[in-house]
PDB file of all heavy atoms in Angstrom:
ATOM      1  N   TRP A   1       0.838  -1.203   0.000  1.00  0.00           N
ATOM      2  CA  TRP A   1       0.000   0.000   0.000  1.00  0.00           C
ATOM      3  C   TRP A   1       0.872   1.253   0.000  1.00  0.00           C
ATOM      4  O   TRP A   1       1.997   1.247   0.483  1.00  0.00           O
ATOM      5  CB  TRP A   1      -0.897   0.002   1.237  1.00  0.00           C
ATOM      6  CG  TRP A   1      -0.115  -0.146   2.516  1.00  0.00           C
ATOM      7  CD1 TRP A   1       0.468   0.850   3.246  1.00  0.00           C
ATOM      8  CD2 TRP A   1       0.186  -1.363   3.204  1.00  0.00           C
ATOM      9  NE1 TRP A   1       1.112   0.335   4.346  1.00  0.00           N
ATOM     10  CE2 TRP A   1       0.960  -1.028   4.347  1.00  0.00           C
ATOM     11  CE3 TRP A   1      -0.118  -2.708   2.974  1.00  0.00           C
ATOM     12  CZ2 TRP A   1       1.425  -1.975   5.251  1.00  0.00           C
ATOM     13  CZ3 TRP A   1       0.352  -3.656   3.872  1.00  0.00           C
ATOM     14  CH2 TRP A   1       1.105  -3.289   4.996  1.00  0.00           C
ATOM     15  N   GLU A   2       0.332   2.369  -0.530  1.00  0.00           N
ATOM     16  CA  GLU A   2       1.053   3.642  -0.528  1.00  0.00           C
ATOM     17  C   GLU A   2       0.059   4.790  -0.640  1.00  0.00           C
ATOM     18  O   GLU A   2      -0.450   5.064  -1.730  1.00  0.00           O
ATOM     19  CB  GLU A   2       2.048   3.739  -1.701  1.00  0.00           C
ATOM     20  CG  GLU A   2       3.191   2.747  -1.654  1.00  0.00           C
ATOM     21  CD  GLU A   2       4.259   3.037  -2.711  1.00  0.00           C
ATOM     22  OE1 GLU A   2       4.459   4.225  -3.048  1.00  0.00           O
ATOM     23  OE2 GLU A   2       4.862   2.081  -3.203  1.00  0.00           O
ATOM     24  N   VAL A   3      -0.214   5.470   0.445  1.00  0.00           N
ATOM     25  CA  VAL A   3      -1.056   6.673   0.376  1.00  0.00           C
ATOM     26  C   VAL A   3      -0.224   7.806  -0.218  1.00  0.00           C
ATOM     27  O   VAL A   3       0.914   8.031   0.190  1.00  0.00           O
ATOM     28  CB  VAL A   3      -1.613   7.053   1.765  1.00  0.00           C
ATOM     29  CG1 VAL A   3      -0.531   7.292   2.793  1.00  0.00           C
ATOM     30  CG2 VAL A   3      -2.534   8.269   1.657  1.00  0.00           C
ATOM     31  N   GLU A   4      -0.799   8.508  -1.199  1.00  0.00           N
ATOM     32  CA  GLU A   4      -0.044   9.548  -1.901  1.00  0.00           C
ATOM     33  C   GLU A   4      -0.933  10.741  -2.244  1.00  0.00           C
ATOM     34  O   GLU A   4      -2.124  10.588  -2.558  1.00  0.00           O
ATOM     35  CB  GLU A   4       0.578   9.002  -3.194  1.00  0.00           C
ATOM     36  CG  GLU A   4       1.426   7.765  -2.962  1.00  0.00           C
ATOM     37  CD  GLU A   4       2.459   7.511  -4.039  1.00  0.00           C
ATOM     38  OE1 GLU A   4       2.586   8.353  -4.951  1.00  0.00           O
ATOM     39  OE2 GLU A   4       3.136   6.468  -3.961  1.00  0.00           O
ATOM     40  N   LEU A   5      -0.323  11.916  -2.214  1.00  0.00           N
ATOM     41  CA  LEU A   5      -0.970  13.117  -2.727  1.00  0.00           C
ATOM     42  C   LEU A   5      -0.948  13.064  -4.249  1.00  0.00           C
ATOM     43  O   LEU A   5       0.101  12.855  -4.859  1.00  0.00           O
ATOM     44  CB  LEU A   5      -0.213  14.355  -2.252  1.00  0.00           C
ATOM     45  CG  LEU A   5      -0.667  15.692  -2.850  1.00  0.00           C
ATOM     46  CD1 LEU A   5      -2.016  16.106  -2.292  1.00  0.00           C
ATOM     47  CD2 LEU A   5       0.387  16.776  -2.602  1.00  0.00           C
ATOM     48  N   GLY A   6      -2.104  13.267  -4.865  1.00  0.00           N
ATOM     49  CA  GLY A   6      -2.197  13.302  -6.315  1.00  0.00           C
ATOM     50  C   GLY A   6      -2.380  14.726  -6.823  1.00  0.00           C
ATOM     51  O   GLY A   6      -3.240  15.470  -6.318  1.00  0.00           O
ATOM     52  N   ILE A   7      -1.551  15.114  -7.779  1.00  0.00           N
ATOM     53  CA  ILE A   7      -1.682  16.411  -8.448  1.00  0.00           C
ATOM     54  C   ILE A   7      -2.505  16.201  -9.713  1.00  0.00           C
ATOM     55  O   ILE A   7      -2.187  15.320 -10.524  1.00  0.00           O
ATOM     56  CB  ILE A   7      -0.314  16.978  -8.855  1.00  0.00           C
ATOM     57  CG1 ILE A   7       0.642  17.069  -7.667  1.00  0.00           C
ATOM     58  CG2 ILE A   7      -0.464  18.331  -9.540  1.00  0.00           C
ATOM     59  CD1 ILE A   7       2.091  17.338  -8.082  1.00  0.00           C
ATOM     60  N   VAL A   8      -3.528  17.020  -9.915  1.00  0.00           N
ATOM     61  CA  VAL A   8      -4.321  16.967 -11.146  1.00  0.00           C
ATOM     62  C   VAL A   8      -3.976  18.190 -11.988  1.00  0.00           C
ATOM     63  O   VAL A   8      -4.153  19.336 -11.545  1.00  0.00           O
ATOM     64  CB  VAL A   8      -5.830  16.934 -10.844  1.00  0.00           C
ATOM     65  CG1 VAL A   8      -6.629  16.889 -12.143  1.00  0.00           C
ATOM     66  CG2 VAL A   8      -6.163  15.733  -9.962  1.00  0.00           C
ATOM     67  N   ILE A   9      -3.484  17.948 -13.195  1.00  0.00           N
ATOM     68  CA  ILE A   9      -3.112  19.047 -14.086  1.00  0.00           C
ATOM     69  C   ILE A   9      -4.376  19.669 -14.683  1.00  0.00           C
ATOM     70  O   ILE A   9      -5.290  18.965 -15.125  1.00  0.00           O
ATOM     71  CB  ILE A   9      -2.179  18.542 -15.200  1.00  0.00           C
ATOM     72  CG1 ILE A   9      -0.869  18.010 -14.595  1.00  0.00           C
ATOM     73  CG2 ILE A   9      -1.885  19.653 -16.214  1.00  0.00           C
ATOM     74  CD1 ILE A   9      -0.066  19.027 -13.816  1.00  0.00           C
ATOM     75  N   GLY A  10      -4.400  21.000 -14.696  1.00  0.00           N
ATOM     76  CA  GLY A  10      -5.558  21.717 -15.238  1.00  0.00           C
ATOM     77  C   GLY A  10      -5.263  22.472 -16.516  1.00  0.00           C
ATOM     78  O   GLY A  10      -6.154  22.646 -17.355  1.00  0.00           O
ATOM     79  N   ARG A  11      -4.022  22.934 -16.683  1.00  0.00           N
ATOM     80  CA  ARG A  11      -3.632  23.639 -17.900  1.00  0.00           C
ATOM     81  C   ARG A  11      -2.375  23.019 -18.480  1.00  0.00           C
ATOM     82  O   ARG A  11      -1.492  22.573 -17.750  1.00  0.00           O
ATOM     83  CB  ARG A  11      -3.359  25.124 -17.608  1.00  0.00           C
ATOM     84  CG  ARG A  11      -4.568  25.933 -17.219  1.00  0.00           C
ATOM     85  CD  ARG A  11      -4.298  27.437 -17.381  1.00  0.00           C
ATOM     86  NE  ARG A  11      -3.207  27.884 -16.526  1.00  0.00           N
ATOM     87  CZ  ARG A  11      -2.088  28.444 -16.974  1.00  0.00           C
ATOM     88  NH1 ARG A  11      -1.876  28.587 -18.286  1.00  0.00           N
ATOM     89  NH2 ARG A  11      -1.150  28.842 -16.139  1.00  0.00           N
ATOM     90  N   ARG A  12      -2.313  22.978 -19.803  1.00  0.00           N
ATOM     91  CA  ARG A  12      -1.168  22.401 -20.497  1.00  0.00           C
ATOM     92  C   ARG A  12       0.129  22.984 -19.947  1.00  0.00           C
ATOM     93  O   ARG A  12       0.265  24.203 -19.798  1.00  0.00           O
ATOM     94  CB  ARG A  12      -1.284  22.688 -21.998  1.00  0.00           C
ATOM     95  CG  ARG A  12      -0.173  22.141 -22.863  1.00  0.00           C
ATOM     96  CD  ARG A  12      -0.449  22.510 -24.321  1.00  0.00           C
ATOM     97  NE  ARG A  12       0.586  22.005 -25.223  1.00  0.00           N
ATOM     98  CZ  ARG A  12       1.699  22.667 -25.534  1.00  0.00           C
ATOM     99  NH1 ARG A  12       1.924  23.867 -25.007  1.00  0.00           N
ATOM    100  NH2 ARG A  12       2.579  22.150 -26.363  1.00  0.00           N
ATOM    101  N   ALA A  13       1.074  22.119 -19.648  1.00  0.00           N
ATOM    102  CA  ALA A  13       2.342  22.550 -19.057  1.00  0.00           C
ATOM    103  C   ALA A  13       3.502  21.995 -19.882  1.00  0.00           C
ATOM    104  O   ALA A  13       3.680  20.780 -19.976  1.00  0.00           O
ATOM    105  CB  ALA A  13       2.444  22.071 -17.613  1.00  0.00           C
ATOM    106  N   LYS A  14       4.269  22.879 -20.467  1.00  0.00           N
ATOM    107  CA  LYS A  14       5.462  22.503 -21.215  1.00  0.00           C
ATOM    108  C   LYS A  14       6.542  23.535 -20.928  1.00  0.00           C
ATOM    109  O   LYS A  14       6.333  24.734 -21.137  1.00  0.00           O
ATOM    110  CB  LYS A  14       5.174  22.428 -22.717  1.00  0.00           C
ATOM    111  CG  LYS A  14       6.363  21.944 -23.539  1.00  0.00           C
ATOM    112  CD  LYS A  14       5.984  21.735 -24.997  1.00  0.00           C
ATOM    113  CE  LYS A  14       7.164  21.163 -25.786  1.00  0.00           C
ATOM    114  NZ  LYS A  14       6.805  20.908 -27.203  1.00  0.00           N
ATOM    115  N   TYR A  15       7.669  23.067 -20.425  1.00  0.00           N
ATOM    116  CA  TYR A  15       8.790  23.946 -20.065  1.00  0.00           C
ATOM    117  C   TYR A  15       8.370  25.057 -19.105  1.00  0.00           C
ATOM    118  O   TYR A  15       8.755  26.214 -19.268  1.00  0.00           O
ATOM    119  CB  TYR A  15       9.432  24.551 -21.316  1.00  0.00           C
ATOM    120  CG  TYR A  15       9.947  23.537 -22.312  1.00  0.00           C
ATOM    121  CD1 TYR A  15       9.657  23.667 -23.675  1.00  0.00           C
ATOM    122  CD2 TYR A  15      10.722  22.462 -21.903  1.00  0.00           C
ATOM    123  CE1 TYR A  15      10.133  22.736 -24.602  1.00  0.00           C
ATOM    124  CE2 TYR A  15      11.200  21.527 -22.831  1.00  0.00           C
ATOM    125  CZ  TYR A  15      10.898  21.666 -24.166  1.00  0.00           C
ATOM    126  OH  TYR A  15      11.365  20.744 -25.078  1.00  0.00           O
ATOM    127  N   VAL A  16       7.563  24.722 -18.111  1.00  0.00           N
ATOM    128  CA  VAL A  16       7.139  25.752 -17.167  1.00  0.00           C
ATOM    129  C   VAL A  16       8.173  25.886 -16.047  1.00  0.00           C
ATOM    130  O   VAL A  16       8.861  24.922 -15.692  1.00  0.00           O
ATOM    131  CB  VAL A  16       5.747  25.459 -16.568  1.00  0.00           C
ATOM    132  CG1 VAL A  16       4.700  25.363 -17.654  1.00  0.00           C
ATOM    133  CG2 VAL A  16       5.758  24.208 -15.715  1.00  0.00           C
ATOM    134  N   SER A  17       8.298  27.077 -15.516  1.00  0.00           N
ATOM    135  CA  SER A  17       9.213  27.316 -14.396  1.00  0.00           C
ATOM    136  C   SER A  17       8.572  26.838 -13.109  1.00  0.00           C
ATOM    137  O   SER A  17       7.346  26.678 -13.003  1.00  0.00           O
ATOM    138  CB  SER A  17       9.529  28.799 -14.298  1.00  0.00           C
ATOM    139  OG  SER A  17       8.377  29.518 -13.897  1.00  0.00           O
ATOM    140  N   GLU A  18       9.411  26.642 -12.103  1.00  0.00           N
ATOM    141  CA  GLU A  18       8.886  26.276 -10.793  1.00  0.00           C
ATOM    142  C   GLU A  18       7.984  27.382 -10.251  1.00  0.00           C
ATOM    143  O   GLU A  18       6.962  27.108  -9.605  1.00  0.00           O
ATOM    144  CB  GLU A  18      10.048  25.997  -9.846  1.00  0.00           C
ATOM    145  CG  GLU A  18       9.645  25.360  -8.543  1.00  0.00           C
ATOM    146  CD  GLU A  18      10.828  24.903  -7.713  1.00  0.00           C
ATOM    147  OE1 GLU A  18      11.900  24.622  -8.300  1.00  0.00           O
ATOM    148  OE2 GLU A  18      10.682  24.828  -6.478  1.00  0.00           O
ATOM    149  N   ALA A  19       8.334  28.633 -10.536  1.00  0.00           N
ATOM    150  CA  ALA A  19       7.533  29.757 -10.055  1.00  0.00           C
ATOM    151  C   ALA A  19       6.127  29.765 -10.656  1.00  0.00           C
ATOM    152  O   ALA A  19       5.173  30.231 -10.016  1.00  0.00           O
ATOM    153  CB  ALA A  19       8.243  31.072 -10.367  1.00  0.00           C
ATOM    154  N   ASP A  20       5.989  29.262 -11.878  1.00  0.00           N
ATOM    155  CA  ASP A  20       4.691  29.267 -12.562  1.00  0.00           C
ATOM    156  C   ASP A  20       3.948  27.942 -12.459  1.00  0.00           C
ATOM    157  O   ASP A  20       2.796  27.839 -12.899  1.00  0.00           O
ATOM    158  CB  ASP A  20       4.891  29.597 -14.051  1.00  0.00           C
ATOM    159  CG  ASP A  20       5.374  31.014 -14.275  1.00  0.00           C
ATOM    160  OD1 ASP A  20       5.133  31.870 -13.398  1.00  0.00           O
ATOM    161  OD2 ASP A  20       6.018  31.270 -15.319  1.00  0.00           O
ATOM    162  N   ALA A  21       4.579  26.931 -11.902  1.00  0.00           N
ATOM    163  CA  ALA A  21       4.052  25.567 -11.997  1.00  0.00           C
ATOM    164  C   ALA A  21       2.681  25.405 -11.359  1.00  0.00           C
ATOM    165  O   ALA A  21       1.797  24.736 -11.914  1.00  0.00           O
ATOM    166  CB  ALA A  21       5.047  24.585 -11.368  1.00  0.00           C
ATOM    167  N   LEU A  22       2.463  26.001 -10.191  1.00  0.00           N
ATOM    168  CA  LEU A  22       1.193  25.786  -9.494  1.00  0.00           C
ATOM    169  C   LEU A  22       0.011  26.373 -10.257  1.00  0.00           C
ATOM    170  O   LEU A  22      -1.134  25.963 -10.049  1.00  0.00           O
ATOM    171  CB  LEU A  22       1.257  26.370  -8.085  1.00  0.00           C
ATOM    172  CG  LEU A  22       2.266  25.707  -7.136  1.00  0.00           C
ATOM    173  CD1 LEU A  22       2.153  26.306  -5.743  1.00  0.00           C
ATOM    174  CD2 LEU A  22       2.090  24.198  -7.093  1.00  0.00           C
ATOM    175  N   GLY A  23       0.273  27.307 -11.167  1.00  0.00           N
ATOM    176  CA  GLY A  23      -0.791  27.851 -11.998  1.00  0.00           C
ATOM    177  C   GLY A  23      -1.330  26.854 -13.007  1.00  0.00           C
ATOM    178  O   GLY A  23      -2.347  27.112 -13.653  1.00  0.00           O
ATOM    179  N   HIS A  24      -0.662  25.734 -13.157  1.00  0.00           N
ATOM    180  CA  HIS A  24      -1.093  24.687 -14.089  1.00  0.00           C
ATOM    181  C   HIS A  24      -1.826  23.551 -13.372  1.00  0.00           C
ATOM    182  O   HIS A  24      -2.171  22.552 -14.001  1.00  0.00           O
ATOM    183  CB  HIS A  24       0.111  24.143 -14.851  1.00  0.00           C
ATOM    184  CG  HIS A  24       0.744  25.161 -15.749  1.00  0.00           C
ATOM    185  ND1 HIS A  24       0.462  25.233 -17.098  1.00  0.00           N
ATOM    186  CD2 HIS A  24       1.613  26.166 -15.496  1.00  0.00           C
ATOM    187  CE1 HIS A  24       1.150  26.230 -17.636  1.00  0.00           C
ATOM    188  NE2 HIS A  24       1.849  26.815 -16.682  1.00  0.00           N
ATOM    189  N   VAL A  25      -2.047  23.700 -12.076  1.00  0.00           N
ATOM    190  CA  VAL A  25      -2.677  22.652 -11.268  1.00  0.00           C
ATOM    191  C   VAL A  25      -4.158  22.951 -11.084  1.00  0.00           C
ATOM    192  O   VAL A  25      -4.536  24.030 -10.612  1.00  0.00           O
ATOM    193  CB  VAL A  25      -1.971  22.531  -9.900  1.00  0.00           C
ATOM    194  CG1 VAL A  25      -2.703  21.550  -9.001  1.00  0.00           C
ATOM    195  CG2 VAL A  25      -0.512  22.117 -10.086  1.00  0.00           C
ATOM    196  N   ALA A  26      -5.010  21.983 -11.446  1.00  0.00           N
ATOM    197  CA  ALA A  26      -6.455  22.146 -11.239  1.00  0.00           C
ATOM    198  C   ALA A  26      -6.837  21.865  -9.796  1.00  0.00           C
ATOM    199  O   ALA A  26      -7.794  22.438  -9.270  1.00  0.00           O
ATOM    200  CB  ALA A  26      -7.225  21.203 -12.160  1.00  0.00           C
ATOM    201  N   GLY A  27      -6.107  20.948  -9.167  1.00  0.00           N
ATOM    202  CA  GLY A  27      -6.435  20.588  -7.794  1.00  0.00           C
ATOM    203  C   GLY A  27      -5.687  19.349  -7.365  1.00  0.00           C
ATOM    204  O   GLY A  27      -4.753  18.892  -8.037  1.00  0.00           O
ATOM    205  N   TYR A  28      -6.146  18.804  -6.240  1.00  0.00           N
ATOM    206  CA  TYR A  28      -5.445  17.686  -5.613  1.00  0.00           C
ATOM    207  C   TYR A  28      -6.430  16.590  -5.221  1.00  0.00           C
ATOM    208  O   TYR A  28      -7.618  16.834  -5.007  1.00  0.00           O
ATOM    209  CB  TYR A  28      -4.690  18.180  -4.378  1.00  0.00           C
ATOM    210  CG  TYR A  28      -3.699  19.278  -4.714  1.00  0.00           C
ATOM    211  CD1 TYR A  28      -4.052  20.623  -4.569  1.00  0.00           C
ATOM    212  CD2 TYR A  28      -2.446  18.981  -5.215  1.00  0.00           C
ATOM    213  CE1 TYR A  28      -3.167  21.636  -4.898  1.00  0.00           C
ATOM    214  CE2 TYR A  28      -1.550  19.987  -5.551  1.00  0.00           C
ATOM    215  CZ  TYR A  28      -1.910  21.309  -5.390  1.00  0.00           C
ATOM    216  OH  TYR A  28      -1.035  22.301  -5.737  1.00  0.00           O
ATOM    217  N   THR A  29      -5.901  15.375  -5.113  1.00  0.00           N
ATOM    218  CA  THR A  29      -6.720  14.237  -4.742  1.00  0.00           C
ATOM    219  C   THR A  29      -5.838  13.225  -4.026  1.00  0.00           C
ATOM    220  O   THR A  29      -4.654  13.471  -3.783  1.00  0.00           O
ATOM    221  CB  THR A  29      -7.403  13.636  -5.993  1.00  0.00           C
ATOM    222  OG1 THR A  29      -8.361  12.653  -5.597  1.00  0.00           O
ATOM    223  CG2 THR A  29      -6.380  12.998  -6.937  1.00  0.00           C
ATOM    224  N   ILE A  30      -6.417  12.099  -3.653  1.00  0.00           N
ATOM    225  CA  ILE A  30      -5.670  11.016  -3.013  1.00  0.00           C
ATOM    226  C   ILE A  30      -5.475   9.897  -4.025  1.00  0.00           C
ATOM    227  O   ILE A  30      -6.402   9.543  -4.763  1.00  0.00           O
ATOM    228  CB  ILE A  30      -6.412  10.460  -1.794  1.00  0.00           C
ATOM    229  CG1 ILE A  30      -6.703  11.571  -0.783  1.00  0.00           C
ATOM    230  CG2 ILE A  30      -5.604   9.342  -1.128  1.00  0.00           C
ATOM    231  CD1 ILE A  30      -7.600  11.125   0.365  1.00  0.00           C
ATOM    232  N   VAL A  31      -4.275   9.340  -4.046  1.00  0.00           N
ATOM    233  CA  VAL A  31      -3.972   8.151  -4.847  1.00  0.00           C
ATOM    234  C   VAL A  31      -3.426   7.079  -3.917  1.00  0.00           C
ATOM    235  O   VAL A  31      -2.536   7.359  -3.114  1.00  0.00           O
ATOM    236  CB  VAL A  31      -2.936   8.455  -5.948  1.00  0.00           C
ATOM    237  CG1 VAL A  31      -2.625   7.189  -6.754  1.00  0.00           C
ATOM    238  CG2 VAL A  31      -3.415   9.571  -6.866  1.00  0.00           C
ATOM    239  N   ASN A  32      -3.957   5.875  -4.003  1.00  0.00           N
ATOM    240  CA  ASN A  32      -3.328   4.720  -3.357  1.00  0.00           C
ATOM    241  C   ASN A  32      -2.495   4.028  -4.433  1.00  0.00           C
ATOM    242  O   ASN A  32      -3.022   3.359  -5.312  1.00  0.00           O
ATOM    243  CB  ASN A  32      -4.369   3.767  -2.779  1.00  0.00           C
ATOM    244  CG  ASN A  32      -3.744   2.671  -1.911  1.00  0.00           C
ATOM    245  OD1 ASN A  32      -2.522   2.553  -1.834  1.00  0.00           O
ATOM    246  ND2 ASN A  32      -4.574   1.884  -1.256  1.00  0.00           N
ATOM    247  N   ASP A  33      -1.181   4.255  -4.362  1.00  0.00           N
ATOM    248  CA  ASP A  33      -0.275   3.680  -5.357  1.00  0.00           C
ATOM    249  C   ASP A  33       0.047   2.241  -4.957  1.00  0.00           C
ATOM    250  O   ASP A  33       1.146   1.925  -4.502  1.00  0.00           O
ATOM    251  CB  ASP A  33       0.994   4.534  -5.460  1.00  0.00           C
ATOM    252  CG  ASP A  33       2.024   3.956  -6.410  1.00  0.00           C
ATOM    253  OD1 ASP A  33       1.639   3.177  -7.309  1.00  0.00           O
ATOM    254  OD2 ASP A  33       3.220   4.274  -6.257  1.00  0.00           O
ATOM    255  N   VAL A  34      -0.949   1.363  -5.109  1.00  0.00           N
ATOM    256  CA  VAL A  34      -0.756  -0.054  -4.766  1.00  0.00           C
ATOM    257  C   VAL A  34       0.351  -0.625  -5.654  1.00  0.00           C
ATOM    258  O   VAL A  34       0.409  -0.332  -6.854  1.00  0.00           O
ATOM    259  CB  VAL A  34      -2.070  -0.841  -4.925  1.00  0.00           C
ATOM    260  CG1 VAL A  34      -1.900  -2.274  -4.429  1.00  0.00           C
ATOM    261  CG2 VAL A  34      -3.210  -0.153  -4.164  1.00  0.00           C
ATOM    262  N   SER A  35       1.227  -1.418  -5.044  1.00  0.00           N
ATOM    263  CA  SER A  35       2.453  -1.838  -5.734  1.00  0.00           C
ATOM    264  C   SER A  35       2.764  -3.299  -5.406  1.00  0.00           C
ATOM    265  O   SER A  35       2.826  -3.674  -4.224  1.00  0.00           O
ATOM    266  CB  SER A  35       3.636  -0.977  -5.271  1.00  0.00           C
ATOM    267  OG  SER A  35       3.356   0.399  -5.407  1.00  0.00           O
ATOM    268  N   GLU A  36       2.965  -4.108  -6.442  1.00  0.00           N
ATOM    269  CA  GLU A  36       3.414  -5.479  -6.233  1.00  0.00           C
ATOM    270  C   GLU A  36       4.947  -5.472  -6.254  1.00  0.00           C
ATOM    271  O   GLU A  36       5.557  -5.326  -7.307  1.00  0.00           O
ATOM    272  CB  GLU A  36       2.848  -6.405  -7.314  1.00  0.00           C
ATOM    273  CG  GLU A  36       2.516  -7.810  -6.853  1.00  0.00           C
ATOM    274  CD  GLU A  36       3.691  -8.603  -6.261  1.00  0.00           C
ATOM    275  OE1 GLU A  36       4.855  -8.331  -6.622  1.00  0.00           O
ATOM    276  OE2 GLU A  36       3.431  -9.517  -5.462  1.00  0.00           O
ATOM    277  N   ARG A  37       5.565  -5.579  -5.071  1.00  0.00           N
ATOM    278  CA  ARG A  37       7.007  -5.362  -4.958  1.00  0.00           C
ATOM    279  C   ARG A  37       7.831  -6.418  -5.698  1.00  0.00           C
ATOM    280  O   ARG A  37       8.901  -6.093  -6.240  1.00  0.00           O
ATOM    281  CB  ARG A  37       7.417  -5.342  -3.481  1.00  0.00           C
ATOM    282  CG  ARG A  37       6.681  -4.325  -2.623  1.00  0.00           C
ATOM    283  CD  ARG A  37       6.910  -2.907  -3.094  1.00  0.00           C
ATOM    284  NE  ARG A  37       6.364  -1.944  -2.106  1.00  0.00           N
ATOM    285  CZ  ARG A  37       6.299  -0.658  -2.298  1.00  0.00           C
ATOM    286  NH1 ARG A  37       6.703  -0.123  -3.440  1.00  0.00           N
ATOM    287  NH2 ARG A  37       5.794   0.149  -1.371  1.00  0.00           N
ATOM    288  N   ALA A  38       7.373  -7.660  -5.719  1.00  0.00           N
ATOM    289  CA  ALA A  38       8.125  -8.681  -6.450  1.00  0.00           C
ATOM    290  C   ALA A  38       8.099  -8.386  -7.944  1.00  0.00           C
ATOM    291  O   ALA A  38       9.129  -8.476  -8.625  1.00  0.00           O
ATOM    292  CB  ALA A  38       7.567 -10.076  -6.164  1.00  0.00           C
ATOM    293  N   PHE A  39       6.943  -8.010  -8.472  1.00  0.00           N
ATOM    294  CA  PHE A  39       6.854  -7.627  -9.883  1.00  0.00           C
ATOM    295  C   PHE A  39       7.727  -6.401 -10.147  1.00  0.00           C
ATOM    296  O   PHE A  39       8.352  -6.271 -11.191  1.00  0.00           O
ATOM    297  CB  PHE A  39       5.412  -7.270 -10.259  1.00  0.00           C
ATOM    298  CG  PHE A  39       4.417  -8.411 -10.257  1.00  0.00           C
ATOM    299  CD1 PHE A  39       4.738  -9.667  -9.780  1.00  0.00           C
ATOM    300  CD2 PHE A  39       3.132  -8.194 -10.739  1.00  0.00           C
ATOM    301  CE1 PHE A  39       3.806 -10.700  -9.769  1.00  0.00           C
ATOM    302  CE2 PHE A  39       2.191  -9.220 -10.745  1.00  0.00           C
ATOM    303  CZ  PHE A  39       2.525 -10.469 -10.249  1.00  0.00           C
ATOM    304  N   GLN A  40       7.744  -5.485  -9.168  1.00  0.00           N
ATOM    305  CA  GLN A  40       8.398  -4.186  -9.330  1.00  0.00           C
ATOM    306  C   GLN A  40       9.923  -4.297  -9.368  1.00  0.00           C
ATOM    307  O   GLN A  40      10.584  -3.632 -10.173  1.00  0.00           O
ATOM    308  CB  GLN A  40       7.986  -3.260  -8.183  1.00  0.00           C
ATOM    309  CG  GLN A  40       8.636  -1.888  -8.190  1.00  0.00           C
ATOM    310  CD  GLN A  40       8.249  -1.076  -6.959  1.00  0.00           C
ATOM    311  OE1 GLN A  40       7.377  -1.459  -6.182  1.00  0.00           O
ATOM    312  NE2 GLN A  40       8.903   0.054  -6.769  1.00  0.00           N
ATOM    313  N   THR A  41      10.480  -5.118  -8.462  1.00  0.00           N
ATOM    314  CA  THR A  41      11.935  -5.079  -8.269  1.00  0.00           C
ATOM    315  C   THR A  41      12.658  -6.405  -8.474  1.00  0.00           C
ATOM    316  O   THR A  41      13.889  -6.418  -8.526  1.00  0.00           O
ATOM    317  CB  THR A  41      12.262  -4.583  -6.851  1.00  0.00           C
ATOM    318  OG1 THR A  41      11.731  -5.502  -5.879  1.00  0.00           O
ATOM    319  CG2 THR A  41      11.672  -3.196  -6.613  1.00  0.00           C
ATOM    320  N   GLU A  42      11.921  -7.507  -8.586  1.00  0.00           N
ATOM    321  CA  GLU A  42      12.575  -8.815  -8.641  1.00  0.00           C
ATOM    322  C   GLU A  42      12.437  -9.513  -9.988  1.00  0.00           C
ATOM    323  O   GLU A  42      12.965 -10.615 -10.163  1.00  0.00           O
ATOM    324  CB  GLU A  42      12.023  -9.723  -7.535  1.00  0.00           C
ATOM    325  CG  GLU A  42      12.245  -9.169  -6.133  1.00  0.00           C
ATOM    326  CD  GLU A  42      11.561  -9.995  -5.057  1.00  0.00           C
ATOM    327  OE1 GLU A  42      11.224 -11.172  -5.336  1.00  0.00           O
ATOM    328  OE2 GLU A  42      11.360  -9.465  -3.937  1.00  0.00           O
TER     329      GLU A  42
END
């Protein structure tokens, strides 16, 4: 299991600066990044 903050992109972002990056975010959500570790690393 892996509880994670999810960023949802709202505006097209290409070569954006860190200062401008949050202006491209529509909002946030929760993601459970479920992971099969044997498949992942072995």
